[in-house]
Amino acid sequence: MLYVGNVIINRAVADCLDFNDVRTIEDVIFQKQGGNYSFEAVQKGNLFYQRARSSEKN
């Protein structure tokens, strides 16, 4: 979970060609590259089907 969070934050603050149009966490999560979403959970449509566990909230 920590590594995925780090990837999302890094992409939001990166100043490079691949990520120059994403500035928010939502932009990063729903970004498409090459016609596909960047994150598998968005591609499969199961991004928000389960509630966050207490360990995830912490």
PDB file of N, CA and C in Angstrom:
ATOM      1  N   MET A   1       0.822  -1.189   0.000  1.00  0.00           N
ATOM      2  CA  MET A   1       0.000   0.000   0.000  1.00  0.00           C
ATOM      3  C   MET A   1       0.867   1.255   0.000  1.00  0.00           C
ATOM      4  N   LEU A   2       1.933   1.208   0.780  1.00  0.00           N
ATOM      5  CA  LEU A   2       2.816   2.363   0.867  1.00  0.00           C
ATOM      6  C   LEU A   2       3.454   2.672  -0.483  1.00  0.00           C
ATOM      7  N   TYR A   3       3.885   1.627  -1.182  1.00  0.00           N
ATOM      8  CA  TYR A   3       4.544   1.835  -2.476  1.00  0.00           C
ATOM      9  C   TYR A   3       3.577   2.390  -3.516  1.00  0.00           C
ATOM     10  N   VAL A   4       2.346   1.909  -3.522  1.00  0.00           N
ATOM     11  CA  VAL A   4       1.348   2.432  -4.467  1.00  0.00           C
ATOM     12  C   VAL A   4       1.082   3.900  -4.166  1.00  0.00           C
ATOM     13  N   GLY A   5       0.959   4.230  -2.896  1.00  0.00           N
ATOM     14  CA  GLY A   5       0.770   5.629  -2.504  1.00  0.00           C
ATOM     15  C   GLY A   5       1.931   6.498  -2.945  1.00  0.00           C
ATOM     16  N   ASN A   6       3.148   5.978  -2.795  1.00  0.00           N
ATOM     17  CA  ASN A   6       4.331   6.729  -3.233  1.00  0.00           C
ATOM     18  C   ASN A   6       4.315   6.966  -4.739  1.00  0.00           C
ATOM     19  N   VAL A   7       3.924   5.961  -5.502  1.00  0.00           N
ATOM     20  CA  VAL A   7       3.849   6.108  -6.961  1.00  0.00           C
ATOM     21  C   VAL A   7       2.844   7.198  -7.323  1.00  0.00           C
ATOM     22  N   ILE A   8       1.698   7.184  -6.686  1.00  0.00           N
ATOM     23  CA  ILE A   8       0.650   8.170  -6.983  1.00  0.00           C
ATOM     24  C   ILE A   8       1.132   9.573  -6.672  1.00  0.00           C
ATOM     25  N   ILE A   9       1.724   9.774  -5.510  1.00  0.00           N
ATOM     26  CA  ILE A   9       2.218  11.101  -5.136  1.00  0.00           C
ATOM     27  C   ILE A   9       3.337  11.548  -6.066  1.00  0.00           C
ATOM     28  N   ASN A  10       4.265  10.643  -6.382  1.00  0.00           N
ATOM     29  CA  ASN A  10       5.366  11.001  -7.283  1.00  0.00           C
ATOM     30  C   ASN A  10       4.859  11.426  -8.650  1.00  0.00           C
ATOM     31  N   ARG A  11       3.856  10.737  -9.163  1.00  0.00           N
ATOM     32  CA  ARG A  11       3.308  11.105 -10.466  1.00  0.00           C
ATOM     33  C   ARG A  11       2.596  12.450 -10.413  1.00  0.00           C
ATOM     34  N   ALA A  12       1.943  12.739  -9.307  1.00  0.00           N
ATOM     35  CA  ALA A  12       1.223  14.008  -9.187  1.00  0.00           C
ATOM     36  C   ALA A  12       2.169  15.203  -9.126  1.00  0.00           C
ATOM     37  N   VAL A  13       3.348  15.020  -8.563  1.00  0.00           N
ATOM     38  CA  VAL A  13       4.283  16.148  -8.422  1.00  0.00           C
ATOM     39  C   VAL A  13       5.382  16.149  -9.481  1.00  0.00           C
ATOM     40  N   ALA A  14       5.455  15.098 -10.300  1.00  0.00           N
ATOM     41  CA  ALA A  14       6.503  15.000 -11.317  1.00  0.00           C
ATOM     42  C   ALA A  14       6.325  16.079 -12.379  1.00  0.00           C
ATOM     43  N   ASP A  15       7.432  16.559 -12.872  1.00  0.00           N
ATOM     44  CA  ASP A  15       7.410  17.552 -13.936  1.00  0.00           C
ATOM     45  C   ASP A  15       8.126  16.961 -15.151  1.00  0.00           C
ATOM     46  N   CYS A  16       7.465  15.999 -15.793  1.00  0.00           N
ATOM     47  CA  CYS A  16       8.051  15.353 -16.961  1.00  0.00           C
ATOM     48  C   CYS A  16       6.954  15.104 -17.996  1.00  0.00           C
ATOM     49  N   LEU A  17       7.325  14.709 -19.179  1.00  0.00           N
ATOM     50  CA  LEU A  17       6.369  14.533 -20.271  1.00  0.00           C
ATOM     51  C   LEU A  17       5.251  13.549 -19.962  1.00  0.00           C
ATOM     52  N   ASP A  18       5.577  12.422 -19.356  1.00  0.00           N
ATOM     53  CA  ASP A  18       4.571  11.391 -19.107  1.00  0.00           C
ATOM     54  C   ASP A  18       3.495  11.813 -18.124  1.00  0.00           C
ATOM     55  N   PHE A  19       3.831  12.706 -17.203  1.00  0.00           N
ATOM     56  CA  PHE A  19       2.884  13.056 -16.144  1.00  0.00           C
ATOM     57  C   PHE A  19       2.629  14.553 -16.047  1.00  0.00           C
ATOM     58  N   ASN A  20       2.795  15.287 -17.134  1.00  0.00           N
ATOM     59  CA  ASN A  20       2.640  16.741 -17.051  1.00  0.00           C
ATOM     60  C   ASN A  20       1.185  17.186 -16.991  1.00  0.00           C
ATOM     61  N   ASP A  21       0.235  16.315 -17.325  1.00  0.00           N
ATOM     62  CA  ASP A  21      -1.180  16.687 -17.271  1.00  0.00           C
ATOM     63  C   ASP A  21      -1.885  16.182 -16.023  1.00  0.00           C
ATOM     64  N   VAL A  22      -1.161  15.599 -15.097  1.00  0.00           N
ATOM     65  CA  VAL A  22      -1.781  15.098 -13.870  1.00  0.00           C
ATOM     66  C   VAL A  22      -1.227  15.884 -12.681  1.00  0.00           C
ATOM     67  N   ARG A  23      -2.106  16.475 -11.919  1.00  0.00           N
ATOM     68  CA  ARG A  23      -1.694  17.273 -10.759  1.00  0.00           C
ATOM     69  C   ARG A  23      -2.429  16.897  -9.481  1.00  0.00           C
ATOM     70  N   THR A  24      -3.473  16.094  -9.583  1.00  0.00           N
ATOM     71  CA  THR A  24      -4.209  15.680  -8.387  1.00  0.00           C
ATOM     72  C   THR A  24      -4.161  14.156  -8.281  1.00  0.00           C
ATOM     73  N   ILE A  25      -4.503  13.639  -7.122  1.00  0.00           N
ATOM     74  CA  ILE A  25      -4.534  12.197  -6.920  1.00  0.00           C
ATOM     75  C   ILE A  25      -5.561  11.560  -7.852  1.00  0.00           C
ATOM     76  N   GLU A  26      -6.699  12.195  -8.010  1.00  0.00           N
ATOM     77  CA  GLU A  26      -7.730  11.670  -8.918  1.00  0.00           C
ATOM     78  C   GLU A  26      -7.220  11.634 -10.356  1.00  0.00           C
ATOM     79  N   ASP A  27      -6.518  12.672 -10.783  1.00  0.00           N
ATOM     80  CA  ASP A  27      -5.929  12.680 -12.136  1.00  0.00           C
ATOM     81  C   ASP A  27      -5.007  11.491 -12.341  1.00  0.00           C
ATOM     82  N   VAL A  28      -4.193  11.203 -11.344  1.00  0.00           N
ATOM     83  CA  VAL A  28      -3.234  10.098 -11.455  1.00  0.00           C
ATOM     84  C   VAL A  28      -3.969   8.760 -11.528  1.00  0.00           C
ATOM     85  N   ILE A  29      -4.948   8.557 -10.662  1.00  0.00           N
ATOM     86  CA  ILE A  29      -5.648   7.276 -10.602  1.00  0.00           C
ATOM     87  C   ILE A  29      -6.370   6.974 -11.905  1.00  0.00           C
ATOM     88  N   PHE A  30      -6.965   7.988 -12.517  1.00  0.00           N
ATOM     89  CA  PHE A  30      -7.752   7.770 -13.725  1.00  0.00           C
ATOM     90  C   PHE A  30      -7.005   8.137 -15.007  1.00  0.00           C
ATOM     91  N   GLN A  31      -5.693   8.315 -14.941  1.00  0.00           N
ATOM     92  CA  GLN A  31      -4.898   8.643 -16.115  1.00  0.00           C
ATOM     93  C   GLN A  31      -4.849   7.452 -17.075  1.00  0.00           C
ATOM     94  N   LYS A  32      -4.980   7.769 -18.357  1.00  0.00           N
ATOM     95  CA  LYS A  32      -4.846   6.742 -19.385  1.00  0.00           C
ATOM     96  C   LYS A  32      -3.521   6.931 -20.096  1.00  0.00           C
ATOM     97  N   GLN A  33      -2.843   5.829 -20.326  1.00  0.00           N
ATOM     98  CA  GLN A  33      -1.599   5.833 -21.091  1.00  0.00           C
ATOM     99  C   GLN A  33      -1.707   4.752 -22.150  1.00  0.00           C
ATOM    100  N   GLY A  34      -1.560   5.135 -23.389  1.00  0.00           N
ATOM    101  CA  GLY A  34      -1.677   4.160 -24.471  1.00  0.00           C
ATOM    102  C   GLY A  34      -3.058   3.549 -24.583  1.00  0.00           C
ATOM    103  N   GLY A  35      -4.092   4.290 -24.196  1.00  0.00           N
ATOM    104  CA  GLY A  35      -5.464   3.791 -24.285  1.00  0.00           C
ATOM    105  C   GLY A  35      -5.923   2.960 -23.101  1.00  0.00           C
ATOM    106  N   ASN A  36      -5.055   2.719 -22.138  1.00  0.00           N
ATOM    107  CA  ASN A  36      -5.401   1.936 -20.951  1.00  0.00           C
ATOM    108  C   ASN A  36      -5.187   2.769 -19.696  1.00  0.00           C
ATOM    109  N   TYR A  37      -5.983   2.465 -18.676  1.00  0.00           N
ATOM    110  CA  TYR A  37      -5.769   3.107 -17.390  1.00  0.00           C
ATOM    111  C   TYR A  37      -4.449   2.635 -16.795  1.00  0.00           C
ATOM    112  N   SER A  38      -3.803   3.493 -16.046  1.00  0.00           N
ATOM    113  CA  SER A  38      -2.494   3.176 -15.479  1.00  0.00           C
ATOM    114  C   SER A  38      -2.560   2.135 -14.365  1.00  0.00           C
ATOM    115  N   PHE A  39      -3.693   2.059 -13.669  1.00  0.00           N
ATOM    116  CA  PHE A  39      -3.809   1.152 -12.530  1.00  0.00           C
ATOM    117  C   PHE A  39      -4.821   0.047 -12.819  1.00  0.00           C
ATOM    118  N   GLU A  40      -4.440  -1.176 -12.496  1.00  0.00           N
ATOM    119  CA  GLU A  40      -5.238  -2.354 -12.793  1.00  0.00           C
ATOM    120  C   GLU A  40      -6.627  -2.301 -12.156  1.00  0.00           C
ATOM    121  N   ALA A  41      -6.725  -1.789 -10.949  1.00  0.00           N
ATOM    122  CA  ALA A  41      -8.026  -1.733 -10.270  1.00  0.00           C
ATOM    123  C   ALA A  41      -9.018  -0.861 -11.036  1.00  0.00           C
ATOM    124  N   VAL A  42      -8.551   0.165 -11.689  1.00  0.00           N
ATOM    125  CA  VAL A  42      -9.431   1.025 -12.488  1.00  0.00           C
ATOM    126  C   VAL A  42      -9.825   0.288 -13.771  1.00  0.00           C
ATOM    127  N   GLN A  43      -8.882  -0.414 -14.387  1.00  0.00           N
ATOM    128  CA  GLN A  43      -9.169  -1.158 -15.610  1.00  0.00           C
ATOM    129  C   GLN A  43     -10.225  -2.220 -15.377  1.00  0.00           C
ATOM    130  N   LYS A  44     -10.139  -2.903 -14.244  1.00  0.00           N
ATOM    131  CA  LYS A  44     -11.072  -3.992 -13.947  1.00  0.00           C
ATOM    132  C   LYS A  44     -12.371  -3.493 -13.322  1.00  0.00           C
ATOM    133  N   GLY A  45     -12.424  -2.224 -12.962  1.00  0.00           N
ATOM    134  CA  GLY A  45     -13.654  -1.665 -12.417  1.00  0.00           C
ATOM    135  C   GLY A  45     -13.911  -1.997 -10.968  1.00  0.00           C
ATOM    136  N   ASN A  46     -12.906  -2.444 -10.224  1.00  0.00           N
ATOM    137  CA  ASN A  46     -13.138  -2.806  -8.820  1.00  0.00           C
ATOM    138  C   ASN A  46     -12.408  -1.869  -7.860  1.00  0.00           C
ATOM    139  N   LEU A  47     -12.309  -0.616  -8.247  1.00  0.00           N
ATOM    140  CA  LEU A  47     -11.544   0.340  -7.460  1.00  0.00           C
ATOM    141  C   LEU A  47     -12.158   0.615  -6.091  1.00  0.00           C
ATOM    142  N   PHE A  48     -13.456   0.779  -6.032  1.00  0.00           N
ATOM    143  CA  PHE A  48     -14.086   1.206  -4.776  1.00  0.00           C
ATOM    144  C   PHE A  48     -15.175   0.249  -4.318  1.00  0.00           C
ATOM    145  N   TYR A  49     -15.048  -1.039  -4.624  1.00  0.00           N
ATOM    146  CA  TYR A  49     -16.079  -1.991  -4.230  1.00  0.00           C
ATOM    147  C   TYR A  49     -16.007  -2.395  -2.765  1.00  0.00           C
ATOM    148  N   GLN A  50     -14.849  -2.285  -2.163  1.00  0.00           N
ATOM    149  CA  GLN A  50     -14.704  -2.688  -0.772  1.00  0.00           C
ATOM    150  C   GLN A  50     -14.359  -1.482   0.089  1.00  0.00           C
ATOM    151  N   ARG A  51     -14.892  -1.491   1.298  1.00  0.00           N
ATOM    152  CA  ARG A  51     -14.568  -0.416   2.239  1.00  0.00           C
ATOM    153  C   ARG A  51     -13.116  -0.537   2.685  1.00  0.00           C
ATOM    154  N   ALA A  52     -12.516   0.579   3.021  1.00  0.00           N
ATOM    155  CA  ALA A  52     -11.136   0.582   3.508  1.00  0.00           C
ATOM    156  C   ALA A  52     -11.073  -0.086   4.885  1.00  0.00           C
ATOM    157  N   ARG A  53     -10.074  -0.927   5.075  1.00  0.00           N
ATOM    158  CA  ARG A  53      -9.854  -1.556   6.381  1.00  0.00           C
ATOM    159  C   ARG A  53      -9.146  -0.564   7.289  1.00  0.00           C
ATOM    160  N   SER A  54      -9.162  -0.827   8.584  1.00  0.00           N
ATOM    161  CA  SER A  54      -8.535   0.101   9.533  1.00  0.00           C
ATOM    162  C   SER A  54      -7.035   0.249   9.263  1.00  0.00           C
ATOM    163  N   SER A  55      -6.389  -0.849   8.839  1.00  0.00           N
ATOM    164  CA  SER A  55      -4.956  -0.759   8.540  1.00  0.00           C
ATOM    165  C   SER A  55      -4.716   0.171   7.343  1.00  0.00           C
ATOM    166  N   GLU A  56      -5.622   0.187   6.384  1.00  0.00           N
ATOM    167  CA  GLU A  56      -5.485   1.062   5.234  1.00  0.00           C
ATOM    168  C   GLU A  56      -5.737   2.526   5.602  1.00  0.00           C
ATOM    169  N   LYS A  57      -6.670   2.739   6.512  1.00  0.00           N
ATOM    170  CA  LYS A  57      -6.960   4.109   6.951  1.00  0.00           C
ATOM    171  C   LYS A  57      -5.803   4.706   7.714  1.00  0.00           C
ATOM    172  N   ASN A  58      -5.108   3.852   8.470  1.00  0.00           N
ATOM    173  CA  ASN A  58      -3.962   4.347   9.238  1.00  0.00           C
ATOM    174  C   ASN A  58      -2.848   4.742   8.309  1.00  0.00           C
TER     175      ASN A  58
END
